[in-house]
């Protein structure tokens, strides 16, 4: 007699709540590391970081959700210091070379000027309009061709290409002898002859030794350009590598700065993760990302004749909602202890928003725990205008690159219950920042020919880039000395360095995760509010009535903000006729510095 083999069925692997999973601190998160790398890659991003966090020291820092703004500022200042040193060295080589070659190197400034104009005309957008692209293309290629032509002429001169004297005086004699058309009869050279001289003119004006010295200076400039890139590659392989970055104490960027940075670093780290949020009136949720389907629901509390009424307060409803949200951290009993669902890292806390207006000094903001507890105790039951209390639920997905934050506020007054939900989404870090490791690795492991080709291609524009970098440094120093920022009245944050370093749109996977996080949180909030109303002895009919079933338990809340959707129930789904999602399609015209 044969019997079928039945494999043993899986059994639950744990009882009760699993141990808390390890959590990456903000200063060691992947988002922080990539934004630090971005300060070396994009000078525009670096300048805005320094302006917001270092120059405008009267501005309170925006909440840093999943990252450390102080560490990003440290690397921004270090990257700018490196840039200024290399810019000074490269510009110094140009000046010394122009003097030693008695003006030969100065003839290359004309094509370099065209390259600088091309970059300015094109702008920083990924896809600039046609009226910018066409003139930028013409300027760029005129500069490249002119520089290449001068370089060939210099090589010919260095090897004595005009020693036979066959063309001696031909350039200047032509100005006086050609009178039939009047082109050169006045002895005035053409503008193109001044900006891009011909090879014969170079041979007449300069000696071979000058040409050789000019070529040597170009080699030195190329070496400086390659060394600057190599320094960036070494930083990515050392303190910004995934292995060493978690050790903030060994990061040289935080050790090399002056007293101003050390003071601001301590202040930023006090403010950026505090539950008390000092805000600017026009930008209350600065730092939380883009608003995502915000809505407000109001219901009248009608007594249920079958139950005894109990007092209901804002705190009562919040305490009913919070345990339901905490249950989202529990994985399926069959998933095991090692499940990596980001809901296991769900963070729940209470925050209080206060306006920054009215403070006399930045240090007067009430960040100490006792002051915050007083504000929270009073704000939680207030109808509020400027001071507002929120229950904050945060999920940091994709190594803190995709951050979903839901602000929940509940208020009961005059027999009414108002429920406000304001979801916000921080999109992933910019693609070029995420490719920093790949870029540095490619440069480090490239052969000598590849590195030389990369450096030589950047020699023509090196003088313009150096002048711009040094000019920005001088302008920043002047603003720092004369702007009066140290004694200015405190102000709320104007921007978030995390939002500046975000992409315009995420991937489909990321959009799906945003929807999953939001629907899970909204489901628990709705169930908690409904249960609190029922427990207090009030009817839930109006609450349910405002939730109209649309399909299989899916619901759409009416009367909220236009385009808002909301789901409730174990098999709920929601739809919206608008497209305002967390991962919109990338716009055709975007700013590369943002």
Protein backbone atom coordinates (compact mmCIF):
# COMPACT_ATOMS: atom_id res chain seq x y z
CA UNK A 1 0.00 0.00 0.00
CA UNK A 2 1.51 3.37 -1.02
CA UNK A 3 0.91 6.69 0.59
CA UNK A 4 1.42 10.12 -0.90
CA UNK A 5 4.15 12.25 0.58
CA UNK A 6 2.83 15.48 2.07
CA UNK A 7 5.54 18.05 2.80
CA UNK A 8 5.52 19.75 6.15
CA UNK A 9 3.62 23.04 6.03
CA UNK A 10 5.36 26.23 7.12
CA UNK A 11 4.67 27.31 10.66
CA UNK A 12 4.65 30.78 12.14
CA UNK A 13 8.17 31.80 13.00
CA UNK A 14 7.40 34.23 15.80
CA UNK A 15 4.86 35.09 18.38
CA UNK A 16 4.04 38.68 19.12
CA UNK A 17 6.00 41.66 17.85
CA UNK A 18 9.34 40.91 16.19
CA UNK A 19 12.48 42.70 17.34
CA UNK A 20 12.99 46.13 15.86
CA UNK A 21 15.05 46.00 12.66
CA UNK A 22 18.33 47.90 12.49
CA UNK A 23 17.85 51.49 11.45
CA UNK A 24 20.33 53.60 9.46
CA UNK A 25 20.91 56.98 11.14
CA UNK A 26 20.32 60.04 8.94
CA UNK A 27 23.99 61.03 8.79
CA UNK A 28 24.84 57.62 7.29
CA UNK A 29 21.91 57.25 4.89
CA UNK A 30 22.40 56.70 1.19
CA UNK A 31 20.52 59.91 0.43
CA UNK A 32 23.03 61.88 2.53
CA UNK A 33 25.98 60.23 0.79
CA UNK A 34 24.66 60.93 -2.70
CA UNK A 35 23.85 64.57 -1.88
CA UNK A 36 27.37 65.00 -0.49
CA UNK A 37 28.74 63.62 -3.76
CA UNK A 38 26.49 66.02 -5.65
CA UNK A 39 28.26 69.01 -4.12
CA UNK A 40 31.43 67.96 -5.96
CA UNK A 41 29.60 67.34 -9.24
CA UNK A 42 27.31 70.36 -9.58
CA UNK A 43 28.64 73.80 -8.64
CA UNK A 44 25.14 75.28 -8.94
CA UNK A 45 23.73 72.86 -6.37
CA UNK A 46 26.75 73.42 -4.14
CA UNK A 47 26.33 77.21 -4.24
CA UNK A 48 22.66 76.98 -3.23
CA UNK A 49 23.49 74.65 -0.34
CA UNK A 50 26.11 77.06 0.96
CA UNK A 51 23.86 80.08 0.46
CA UNK A 52 20.97 78.52 2.35
CA UNK A 53 22.85 76.88 5.23
CA UNK A 54 26.03 78.94 5.60
CA UNK A 55 25.49 82.46 4.26
CA UNK A 56 21.93 82.97 5.54
CA UNK A 57 22.68 81.89 9.07
CA UNK A 58 19.55 83.65 10.31
CA UNK A 59 17.39 81.04 8.52
CA UNK A 60 16.28 78.05 10.53
CA UNK A 61 17.04 74.82 8.67
CA UNK A 62 14.19 72.90 7.07
CA UNK A 63 13.32 69.48 8.58
CA UNK A 64 15.80 66.90 7.29
CA UNK A 65 13.77 63.74 6.73
CA UNK A 66 16.15 60.83 6.38
CA UNK A 67 19.34 62.82 5.83
CA UNK A 68 21.84 65.10 7.57
CA UNK A 69 22.00 68.65 6.18
CA UNK A 70 25.05 69.52 8.31
CA UNK A 71 27.15 66.83 6.66
CA UNK A 72 26.07 67.96 3.20
CA UNK A 73 27.09 71.52 4.09
CA UNK A 74 30.49 70.25 5.28
CA UNK A 75 31.19 68.61 1.93
CA UNK A 76 29.81 71.61 0.02
CA UNK A 77 32.28 73.92 1.75
CA UNK A 78 35.10 71.46 1.19
CA UNK A 79 34.23 71.02 -2.48
CA UNK A 80 34.16 74.80 -2.98
CA UNK A 81 37.52 75.19 -1.27
CA UNK A 82 39.01 72.57 -3.58
CA UNK A 83 37.45 74.27 -6.60
CA UNK A 84 38.85 77.67 -5.64
CA UNK A 85 42.35 76.27 -5.16
CA UNK A 86 42.35 74.52 -8.53
CA UNK A 87 40.77 77.54 -10.24
CA UNK A 88 43.51 79.77 -8.83
CA UNK A 89 46.20 77.37 -10.00
CA UNK A 90 44.77 77.06 -13.52
CA UNK A 91 44.19 80.79 -13.91
CA UNK A 92 47.69 81.42 -12.60
CA UNK A 93 49.13 79.13 -15.27
CA UNK A 94 47.23 81.04 -17.95
CA UNK A 95 48.55 84.39 -16.70
CA UNK A 96 52.12 83.16 -16.27
CA UNK A 97 51.99 81.48 -19.66
CA UNK A 98 50.71 84.64 -21.35
CA UNK A 99 53.58 86.64 -19.83
CA UNK A 100 56.32 84.09 -20.55
CA UNK A 101 55.18 83.52 -24.12
CA UNK A 102 54.88 87.27 -24.67
CA UNK A 103 51.21 87.07 -25.60
CA UNK A 104 51.04 83.76 -27.48
CA UNK A 105 48.81 82.14 -24.85
CA UNK A 106 46.58 85.23 -24.85
CA UNK A 107 45.60 84.56 -28.49
CA UNK A 108 43.70 81.48 -27.27
CA UNK A 109 41.40 83.60 -25.12
CA UNK A 110 39.23 84.47 -28.12
CA UNK A 111 38.06 80.87 -28.76
CA UNK A 112 37.76 80.33 -25.01
CA UNK A 113 35.45 83.34 -24.88
CA UNK A 114 33.22 81.79 -27.54
CA UNK A 115 32.99 78.58 -25.49
CA UNK A 116 32.01 80.52 -22.39
CA UNK A 117 29.36 82.45 -24.33
CA UNK A 118 27.99 79.16 -25.69
CA UNK A 119 27.57 77.76 -22.19
CA UNK A 120 25.87 80.96 -21.00
CA UNK A 121 23.51 81.11 -23.99
CA UNK A 122 22.46 77.48 -23.65
CA UNK A 123 21.63 77.77 -19.97
CA UNK A 124 21.34 74.96 -17.44
CA UNK A 125 18.15 73.31 -18.67
CA UNK A 126 18.30 69.71 -19.86
CA UNK A 127 16.42 70.59 -23.04
CA UNK A 128 16.70 74.30 -23.71
CA UNK A 129 14.46 75.94 -26.34
CA UNK A 130 15.55 76.13 -29.94
CA UNK A 131 16.38 79.82 -29.79
CA UNK A 132 19.02 78.95 -27.20
CA UNK A 133 20.34 75.74 -28.68
CA UNK A 134 21.09 77.06 -32.17
CA UNK A 135 23.28 80.06 -31.19
CA UNK A 136 24.92 77.99 -28.44
CA UNK A 137 25.79 75.34 -31.04
CA UNK A 138 27.32 77.96 -33.36
CA UNK A 139 29.34 79.63 -30.60
CA UNK A 140 30.54 76.31 -29.27
CA UNK A 141 31.79 74.95 -32.57
CA UNK A 142 33.32 78.27 -33.61
CA UNK A 143 35.27 78.25 -30.35
CA UNK A 144 36.34 74.62 -30.76
CA UNK A 145 37.45 75.04 -34.35
CA UNK A 146 39.26 78.29 -33.55
CA UNK A 147 41.08 76.75 -30.60
CA UNK A 148 42.05 73.68 -32.61
CA UNK A 149 43.29 75.85 -35.49
CA UNK A 150 45.43 77.96 -33.15
CA UNK A 151 46.82 74.85 -31.53
CA UNK A 152 47.85 73.42 -34.91
CA UNK A 153 49.40 76.75 -35.85
CA UNK A 154 51.32 76.78 -32.59
CA UNK A 155 52.67 73.30 -33.24
CA UNK A 156 53.73 74.35 -36.76
CA UNK A 157 55.47 77.41 -35.33
CA UNK A 158 57.19 75.29 -32.67
CA UNK A 159 58.70 73.06 -35.35
CA UNK A 160 59.87 76.06 -37.38
CA UNK A 161 57.19 75.88 -40.04
CA UNK A 162 57.75 79.54 -41.06
CA UNK A 163 61.56 79.74 -40.84
CA UNK A 164 61.98 80.12 -44.63
CA UNK A 165 60.59 83.63 -44.42
CA UNK A 166 58.46 83.05 -47.50
CA UNK A 167 55.49 84.58 -45.83
CA UNK A 168 57.38 87.25 -43.93
CA UNK A 169 55.42 90.44 -43.82
CA UNK A 170 52.61 89.02 -45.96
CA UNK A 171 49.98 89.51 -43.32
CA UNK A 172 50.70 93.11 -42.58
CA UNK A 173 51.64 94.10 -46.14
CA UNK A 174 48.25 92.89 -47.28
CA UNK A 175 46.53 95.47 -45.11
CA UNK A 176 48.24 98.30 -47.00
CA UNK A 177 48.45 96.85 -50.51
CA UNK A 178 44.90 95.59 -50.98
CA UNK A 179 42.96 98.73 -51.86
CA UNK A 180 40.72 97.66 -54.70
CA UNK A 181 37.85 96.63 -52.43
CA UNK A 182 38.75 98.83 -49.52
CA UNK A 183 38.92 95.81 -47.19
CA UNK A 184 42.44 96.42 -45.96
CA UNK A 185 43.22 99.87 -47.30
CA UNK A 186 42.78 101.46 -43.88
CA UNK A 187 45.27 99.10 -42.25
CA UNK A 188 42.67 97.84 -39.74
CA UNK A 189 42.58 94.03 -39.26
CA UNK A 190 39.30 92.11 -39.35
CA UNK A 191 37.69 91.06 -36.04
CA UNK A 192 38.15 87.39 -36.90
CA UNK A 193 41.87 88.01 -37.49
CA UNK A 194 42.19 89.45 -34.01
CA UNK A 195 40.26 86.65 -32.26
CA UNK A 196 41.64 83.76 -34.33
CA UNK A 197 44.93 84.66 -36.06
CA UNK A 198 46.14 82.51 -38.92
CA UNK A 199 49.16 80.21 -38.73
CA UNK A 200 51.24 82.57 -40.87
CA UNK A 201 50.49 85.45 -38.52
CA UNK A 202 51.55 83.37 -35.51
CA UNK A 203 54.76 82.45 -37.30
CA UNK A 204 55.50 86.11 -37.97
CA UNK A 205 54.65 87.33 -34.48
CA UNK A 206 56.17 84.58 -32.31
CA UNK A 207 59.36 82.55 -32.18
CA UNK A 208 59.51 78.73 -31.97
CA UNK A 209 60.66 78.87 -28.34
CA UNK A 210 57.52 80.81 -27.47
CA UNK A 211 55.38 78.19 -29.17
CA UNK A 212 57.15 75.41 -27.28
CA UNK A 213 56.65 77.24 -24.00
CA UNK A 214 52.97 77.69 -24.83
CA UNK A 215 52.58 73.96 -25.46
CA UNK A 216 54.27 73.22 -22.13
CA UNK A 217 51.83 75.52 -20.35
CA UNK A 218 48.91 73.72 -22.01
CA UNK A 219 50.28 70.42 -20.72
CA UNK A 220 50.50 71.84 -17.20
CA UNK A 221 46.92 73.15 -17.42
CA UNK A 222 45.71 69.74 -18.61
CA UNK A 223 47.56 68.08 -15.73
CA UNK A 224 45.87 70.41 -13.24
CA UNK A 225 42.47 69.64 -14.77
CA UNK A 226 43.12 65.91 -14.57
CA UNK A 227 44.42 66.22 -11.00
CA UNK A 228 41.26 68.07 -9.97
CA UNK A 229 39.11 65.28 -11.38
CA UNK A 230 41.36 62.71 -9.75
CA UNK A 231 40.86 64.38 -6.39
CA UNK A 232 37.09 64.08 -6.80
CA UNK A 233 37.50 60.39 -7.73
CA UNK A 234 39.61 59.77 -4.62
CA UNK A 235 37.01 61.41 -2.38
CA UNK A 236 34.33 59.10 -3.79
CA UNK A 237 36.59 56.10 -3.20
CA UNK A 238 37.49 57.14 0.36
CA UNK A 239 35.31 59.13 2.76
CA UNK A 240 32.26 59.05 0.47
CA UNK A 241 32.50 55.34 -0.30
CA UNK A 242 29.59 53.16 0.94
CA UNK A 243 32.00 51.38 3.28
CA UNK A 244 33.51 54.42 5.02
CA UNK A 245 30.68 56.93 4.86
CA UNK A 246 28.77 55.66 7.96
CA UNK A 247 31.79 56.68 10.09
CA UNK A 248 31.03 60.39 10.42
CA UNK A 249 33.74 60.90 13.04
CA UNK A 250 36.39 60.02 10.46
CA UNK A 251 35.03 62.32 7.77
CA UNK A 252 37.68 65.00 7.06
CA UNK A 253 35.04 67.39 5.69
CA UNK A 254 33.72 68.02 9.19
CA UNK A 255 37.17 68.61 10.65
CA UNK A 256 38.64 71.14 8.22
CA UNK A 257 36.24 74.05 8.61
CA UNK A 258 36.33 77.14 10.82
CA UNK A 259 34.37 78.34 13.80
CA UNK A 260 31.44 79.58 11.72
CA UNK A 261 30.83 76.15 10.26
CA UNK A 262 31.24 74.39 13.60
CA UNK A 263 28.69 76.74 15.16
CA UNK A 264 26.22 76.29 12.32
CA UNK A 265 26.77 72.53 12.24
CA UNK A 266 25.72 72.21 15.87
CA UNK A 267 22.74 74.49 15.28
CA UNK A 268 21.59 72.56 12.21
CA UNK A 269 21.78 69.23 14.01
CA UNK A 270 19.72 70.64 16.87
CA UNK A 271 16.98 71.89 14.55
CA UNK A 272 16.77 69.50 11.60
CA UNK A 273 15.28 66.47 13.40
CA UNK A 274 13.49 68.23 16.26
CA UNK A 275 9.74 67.64 16.72
CA UNK A 276 9.31 71.42 16.92
CA UNK A 277 9.21 72.87 13.39
CA UNK A 278 9.83 76.58 12.97
CA UNK A 279 8.37 77.53 9.61
CA UNK A 280 7.93 80.43 7.23
CA UNK A 281 4.31 81.41 6.74
CA UNK A 282 4.49 80.97 2.96
CA UNK A 283 6.27 77.57 3.16
CA UNK A 284 4.94 75.65 6.18
CA UNK A 285 5.88 72.15 4.91
CA UNK A 286 9.27 73.10 3.46
CA UNK A 287 11.50 70.03 3.53
CA UNK A 288 8.71 67.46 3.39
CA UNK A 289 8.58 67.34 -0.41
CA UNK A 290 5.69 67.75 -2.80
CA UNK A 291 2.11 67.79 -1.48
CA UNK A 292 0.23 64.65 -2.51
CA UNK A 293 -3.58 64.64 -2.49
CA UNK A 294 -4.20 66.70 0.63
CA UNK A 295 -7.78 66.66 1.91
CA UNK A 296 -9.96 67.75 4.83
CA UNK A 297 -13.02 65.92 6.15
CA UNK A 298 -15.59 67.38 8.60
CA UNK A 299 -18.38 65.36 10.25
CA UNK A 300 -21.00 66.27 12.85
CA UNK A 301 -20.92 64.28 16.08
CA UNK A 302 -24.48 63.02 16.62
CA UNK A 303 -25.20 61.00 19.80
CA UNK A 304 -26.03 57.34 19.32
CA UNK A 305 -29.15 56.59 21.34
CA UNK A 306 -28.05 53.02 21.93
CA UNK A 307 -24.79 54.01 23.63
CA UNK A 308 -23.70 56.21 26.49
CA UNK A 309 -21.80 59.27 25.34
CA UNK A 310 -18.24 59.73 26.52
CA UNK A 311 -16.10 62.85 26.30
CA UNK A 312 -14.13 62.92 23.05
CA UNK A 313 -11.06 65.05 22.56
CA UNK A 314 -8.35 65.38 19.98
CA UNK A 315 -5.99 63.38 22.15
CA UNK A 316 -8.55 60.59 22.54
CA UNK A 317 -8.87 60.18 18.79
CA UNK A 318 -5.09 60.28 18.26
CA UNK A 319 -4.52 57.61 20.89
CA UNK A 320 -7.07 55.43 19.11
CA UNK A 321 -5.36 55.90 15.76
CA UNK A 322 -1.76 55.43 16.86
CA UNK A 323 -1.90 51.69 17.84
CA UNK A 324 -3.44 50.86 14.47
CA UNK A 325 -0.60 52.62 12.71
CA UNK A 326 2.01 50.84 14.82
CA UNK A 327 0.60 47.49 13.72
CA UNK A 328 1.77 48.24 10.19
CA UNK A 329 5.30 47.47 11.39
CA UNK A 330 4.42 43.82 11.97
CA UNK A 331 5.31 41.53 9.06
CA UNK A 332 3.23 38.57 8.02
CA UNK A 333 3.68 35.64 10.37
CA UNK A 334 4.89 33.56 7.42
CA UNK A 335 7.36 36.17 6.19
CA UNK A 336 9.94 35.57 8.93
CA UNK A 337 12.02 37.98 10.93
CA UNK A 338 14.17 39.17 8.00
CA UNK A 339 11.41 40.70 5.89
CA UNK A 340 12.60 44.01 4.38
CA UNK A 341 9.30 45.80 3.89
CA UNK A 342 9.93 49.47 4.63
CA UNK A 343 6.77 49.69 6.70
CA UNK A 344 8.74 47.93 9.44
CA UNK A 345 10.75 51.16 9.72
CA UNK A 346 7.61 53.30 9.93
CA UNK A 347 8.17 56.24 12.26
CA UNK A 348 5.37 57.85 14.27
CA UNK A 349 5.79 60.98 16.31
CA UNK A 350 4.04 64.23 17.15
CA UNK A 351 5.27 67.58 15.90
CA UNK A 352 4.26 71.17 16.52
CA UNK A 353 4.53 73.90 13.89
CA UNK A 354 5.44 77.39 15.10
CA UNK A 355 6.05 80.49 12.95
CA UNK A 356 9.58 81.84 12.99
CA UNK A 357 8.31 85.42 12.85
CA UNK A 358 8.65 87.23 16.14
CA UNK A 359 11.92 85.66 17.27
CA UNK A 360 14.76 88.07 17.98
CA UNK A 361 17.52 85.50 17.77
CA UNK A 362 17.72 82.05 16.21
CA UNK A 363 18.78 80.59 19.54
CA UNK A 364 15.48 81.65 21.13
CA UNK A 365 13.52 78.92 19.35
CA UNK A 366 12.09 76.65 22.09
CA UNK A 367 13.79 73.36 21.18
CA UNK A 368 14.38 72.12 24.71
CA UNK A 369 12.13 69.14 25.63
CA UNK A 370 10.24 70.90 28.39
CA UNK A 371 9.25 73.82 26.17
CA UNK A 372 8.17 71.46 23.41
CA UNK A 373 5.99 69.43 25.80
CA UNK A 374 4.24 72.61 26.87
CA UNK A 375 3.55 73.58 23.26
CA UNK A 376 2.36 70.09 22.39
CA UNK A 377 0.00 69.86 25.37
CA UNK A 378 -1.67 73.14 24.43
CA UNK A 379 -1.57 72.79 20.64
CA UNK A 380 -3.12 69.32 20.45
CA UNK A 381 -6.52 70.65 21.54
CA UNK A 382 -6.37 73.96 19.67
CA UNK A 383 -8.31 74.86 16.55
CA UNK A 384 -5.08 76.56 15.54
CA UNK A 385 -4.00 79.06 13.01
CA UNK A 386 -0.28 79.68 13.31
CA UNK A 387 0.55 77.04 15.92
CA UNK A 388 -0.52 73.60 14.74
CA UNK A 389 -0.16 70.11 16.11
CA UNK A 390 0.23 67.10 13.80
CA UNK A 391 0.67 63.39 14.14
CA UNK A 392 3.54 62.68 11.74
CA UNK A 393 3.93 59.29 10.07
CA UNK A 394 7.05 58.75 7.97
CA UNK A 395 8.26 55.91 5.76
CA UNK A 396 11.76 56.10 4.26
CA UNK A 397 11.91 53.80 1.25
CA UNK A 398 14.67 53.08 -1.25
CA UNK A 399 17.47 53.75 1.27
CA UNK A 400 15.83 57.04 2.35
CA UNK A 401 15.64 58.24 -1.26
CA UNK A 402 11.85 57.96 -1.42
CA UNK A 403 10.38 59.50 1.72
CA UNK A 404 6.62 59.49 2.33
CA UNK A 405 5.41 61.68 5.20
CA UNK A 406 1.78 61.95 6.25
CA UNK A 407 0.70 64.75 8.58
CA UNK A 408 -2.55 64.00 10.42
CA UNK A 409 -4.44 66.59 12.43
CA UNK A 410 -7.70 66.01 14.32
CA UNK A 411 -9.83 68.70 15.93
CA UNK A 412 -13.14 68.49 17.75
CA UNK A 413 -15.15 71.61 18.50
CA UNK A 414 -18.78 72.65 18.54
CA UNK A 415 -20.04 69.11 18.02
CA UNK A 416 -17.89 68.71 14.89
CA UNK A 417 -14.87 66.56 14.17
CA UNK A 418 -12.39 67.81 11.56
CA UNK A 419 -9.82 65.45 10.11
CA UNK A 420 -6.92 66.85 8.06
CA UNK A 421 -4.48 64.63 6.20
CA UNK A 422 -1.54 66.20 4.33
CA UNK A 423 0.68 63.59 2.62
CA UNK A 424 4.02 64.76 1.20
CA UNK A 425 6.53 62.86 -0.90
CA UNK A 426 10.27 63.42 -1.29
CA UNK A 427 11.35 62.00 -4.64
CA UNK A 428 14.67 60.20 -5.24
CA UNK A 429 18.01 61.90 -5.60
CA UNK A 430 19.08 63.21 -9.01
CA UNK A 431 20.40 60.67 -11.50
CA UNK A 432 23.78 62.36 -11.96
CA UNK A 433 24.31 62.29 -8.20
CA UNK A 434 23.41 58.60 -8.10
CA UNK A 435 25.93 57.96 -10.90
CA UNK A 436 28.75 59.66 -8.97
CA UNK A 437 30.31 56.33 -7.95
CA UNK A 438 30.19 55.11 -11.54
CA UNK A 439 31.71 58.36 -12.83
CA UNK A 440 34.54 58.29 -10.31
CA UNK A 441 35.23 54.59 -10.90
CA UNK A 442 35.39 55.11 -14.66
CA UNK A 443 37.94 57.92 -14.28
CA UNK A 444 40.09 56.07 -11.75
CA UNK A 445 40.30 52.93 -13.87
CA UNK A 446 40.67 54.63 -17.24
CA UNK A 447 44.01 54.31 -19.03
CA UNK A 448 46.47 57.16 -19.52
CA UNK A 449 45.21 57.92 -23.00
CA UNK A 450 41.62 58.20 -21.79
CA UNK A 451 42.53 60.48 -18.88
CA UNK A 452 44.68 62.64 -21.16
CA UNK A 453 41.91 62.94 -23.74
CA UNK A 454 39.43 63.93 -21.02
CA UNK A 455 41.78 66.61 -19.64
CA UNK A 456 42.81 68.02 -23.04
CA UNK A 457 39.17 68.41 -24.07
CA UNK A 458 38.60 70.67 -21.04
CA UNK A 459 41.62 72.92 -21.48
CA UNK A 460 39.87 75.38 -23.85
CA UNK A 461 37.15 76.21 -21.34
CA UNK A 462 39.38 76.09 -18.27
CA UNK A 463 40.13 79.81 -18.16
CA UNK A 464 36.43 80.76 -18.24
CA UNK A 465 35.51 78.16 -15.61
CA UNK A 466 38.30 79.37 -13.36
CA UNK A 467 37.27 83.00 -13.70
CA UNK A 468 33.65 82.13 -12.90
CA UNK A 469 34.65 80.06 -9.86
CA UNK A 470 36.93 82.75 -8.46
CA UNK A 471 34.35 85.43 -9.20
CA UNK A 472 31.71 83.51 -7.25
CA UNK A 473 34.15 83.10 -4.38
CA UNK A 474 34.87 86.83 -4.24
CA UNK A 475 31.17 87.67 -4.47
CA UNK A 476 30.34 85.24 -1.67
CA UNK A 477 33.05 86.71 0.56
CA UNK A 478 31.69 90.21 -0.09
CA UNK A 479 28.13 89.15 0.72
CA UNK A 480 29.35 87.43 3.88
CA UNK A 481 31.16 90.57 5.04
CA UNK A 482 28.60 93.18 4.04
CA UNK A 483 25.24 91.40 4.13
CA UNK A 484 24.63 91.64 7.87
CA UNK A 485 23.33 88.07 8.06
CA UNK A 486 24.82 87.38 11.49
CA UNK A 487 22.61 89.98 13.20
CA UNK A 488 19.54 89.58 10.96
CA UNK A 489 16.19 88.63 12.47
CA UNK A 490 15.46 84.89 12.36
CA UNK A 491 13.54 83.55 9.40
CA UNK A 492 11.95 80.28 8.43
CA UNK A 493 13.57 77.99 5.86
CA UNK A 494 13.43 79.20 2.26
CA UNK A 495 14.28 75.86 0.66
CA UNK A 496 15.39 72.34 1.43
CA UNK A 497 18.73 71.05 0.15
CA UNK A 498 17.07 67.64 -0.15
CA UNK A 499 14.34 68.97 -2.41
CA UNK A 500 16.95 70.79 -4.51
CA UNK A 501 18.72 67.49 -5.15
CA UNK A 502 15.59 65.54 -6.15
CA UNK A 503 14.45 64.36 -9.56
CA UNK A 504 11.29 65.62 -11.22
CA UNK A 505 9.69 62.17 -11.41
CA UNK A 506 10.23 58.67 -10.06
CA UNK A 507 9.94 55.22 -11.56
CA UNK A 508 6.83 53.06 -11.74
CA UNK A 509 8.10 50.90 -8.87
CA UNK A 510 8.52 53.98 -6.72
CA UNK A 511 5.05 55.24 -7.62
CA UNK A 512 3.63 51.85 -6.61
CA UNK A 513 5.44 52.04 -3.28
CA UNK A 514 4.12 55.53 -2.63
CA UNK A 515 0.58 54.34 -3.26
CA UNK A 516 1.08 51.32 -0.99
CA UNK A 517 2.46 53.39 1.89
CA UNK A 518 -0.22 56.05 1.61
CA UNK A 519 -3.17 53.68 1.29
CA UNK A 520 -1.97 51.62 4.26
CA UNK A 521 -1.62 54.71 6.43
CA UNK A 522 -4.88 56.29 5.30
CA UNK A 523 -6.75 53.05 5.90
CA UNK A 524 -5.57 52.87 9.50
CA UNK A 525 -6.25 56.55 10.17
CA UNK A 526 -9.82 56.24 8.85
CA UNK A 527 -10.50 53.09 10.86
CA UNK A 528 -9.05 54.65 14.00
CA UNK A 529 -11.17 57.80 13.71
CA UNK A 530 -14.29 55.76 13.06
CA UNK A 531 -13.58 53.55 16.07
CA UNK A 532 -12.96 56.58 18.30
CA UNK A 533 -16.29 58.10 17.27
CA UNK A 534 -18.11 54.84 17.97
CA UNK A 535 -16.37 54.29 21.32
CA UNK A 536 -17.42 57.77 22.45
CA UNK A 537 -21.08 56.89 21.78
CA UNK A 538 -21.61 58.89 18.60
CA UNK A 539 -23.06 57.82 15.30
CA UNK A 540 -20.67 56.90 12.51
CA UNK A 541 -23.32 57.15 9.83
CA UNK A 542 -22.30 60.57 8.56
CA UNK A 543 -18.66 59.56 8.50
CA UNK A 544 -19.53 56.47 6.48
CA UNK A 545 -21.98 58.41 4.35
CA UNK A 546 -19.22 60.71 3.19
CA UNK A 547 -17.30 57.66 2.13
CA UNK A 548 -19.01 56.40 -1.01
CA UNK A 549 -18.17 52.88 -2.12
CA UNK A 550 -16.86 52.84 -5.66
CA UNK A 551 -15.77 49.20 -6.10
CA UNK A 552 -15.07 46.22 -3.85
CA UNK A 553 -14.69 48.31 -0.74
CA UNK A 554 -12.92 51.13 -2.62
CA UNK A 555 -14.02 54.57 -1.49
CA UNK A 556 -13.74 58.14 -2.59
CA UNK A 557 -14.07 60.91 -0.01
CA UNK A 558 -16.20 63.74 -1.29
CA UNK A 559 -15.89 67.35 -0.31
CA UNK A 560 -12.13 67.27 0.20
CA UNK A 561 -9.43 69.00 -1.77
CA UNK A 562 -9.90 68.76 -5.51
CA UNK A 563 -8.32 65.61 -6.92
CA UNK A 564 -7.97 63.89 -3.54
CA UNK A 565 -8.57 60.18 -3.09
CA UNK A 566 -8.83 58.01 -0.04
CA UNK A 567 -9.17 54.27 0.50
CA UNK A 568 -10.55 52.35 3.47
CA UNK A 569 -11.10 48.67 4.10
CA UNK A 570 -8.96 45.58 3.78
CA UNK A 571 -9.54 45.30 0.02
CA UNK A 572 -9.83 49.00 -0.69
CA UNK A 573 -8.75 50.88 -3.75
CA UNK A 574 -9.12 54.50 -4.75
CA UNK A 575 -9.05 56.47 -7.96
CA UNK A 576 -8.62 60.05 -8.97
CA UNK A 577 -9.26 62.00 -12.13
CA UNK A 578 -6.18 64.14 -11.62
CA UNK A 579 -2.55 63.22 -12.17
CA UNK A 580 -0.87 64.83 -9.18
CA UNK A 581 1.19 61.84 -8.05
CA UNK A 582 4.49 61.37 -6.37
CA UNK A 583 6.18 60.24 -9.52
CA UNK A 584 4.98 62.46 -12.36
CA UNK A 585 6.48 62.22 -15.78
CA UNK A 586 9.62 64.25 -16.19
CA UNK A 587 8.98 67.60 -17.77
CA UNK A 588 10.51 68.38 -21.12
CA UNK A 589 12.12 71.55 -19.81
CA UNK A 590 13.81 71.04 -16.47
CA UNK A 591 16.48 72.88 -14.61
CA UNK A 592 19.63 70.85 -14.31
CA UNK A 593 20.60 72.54 -11.08
CA UNK A 594 17.50 71.55 -9.25
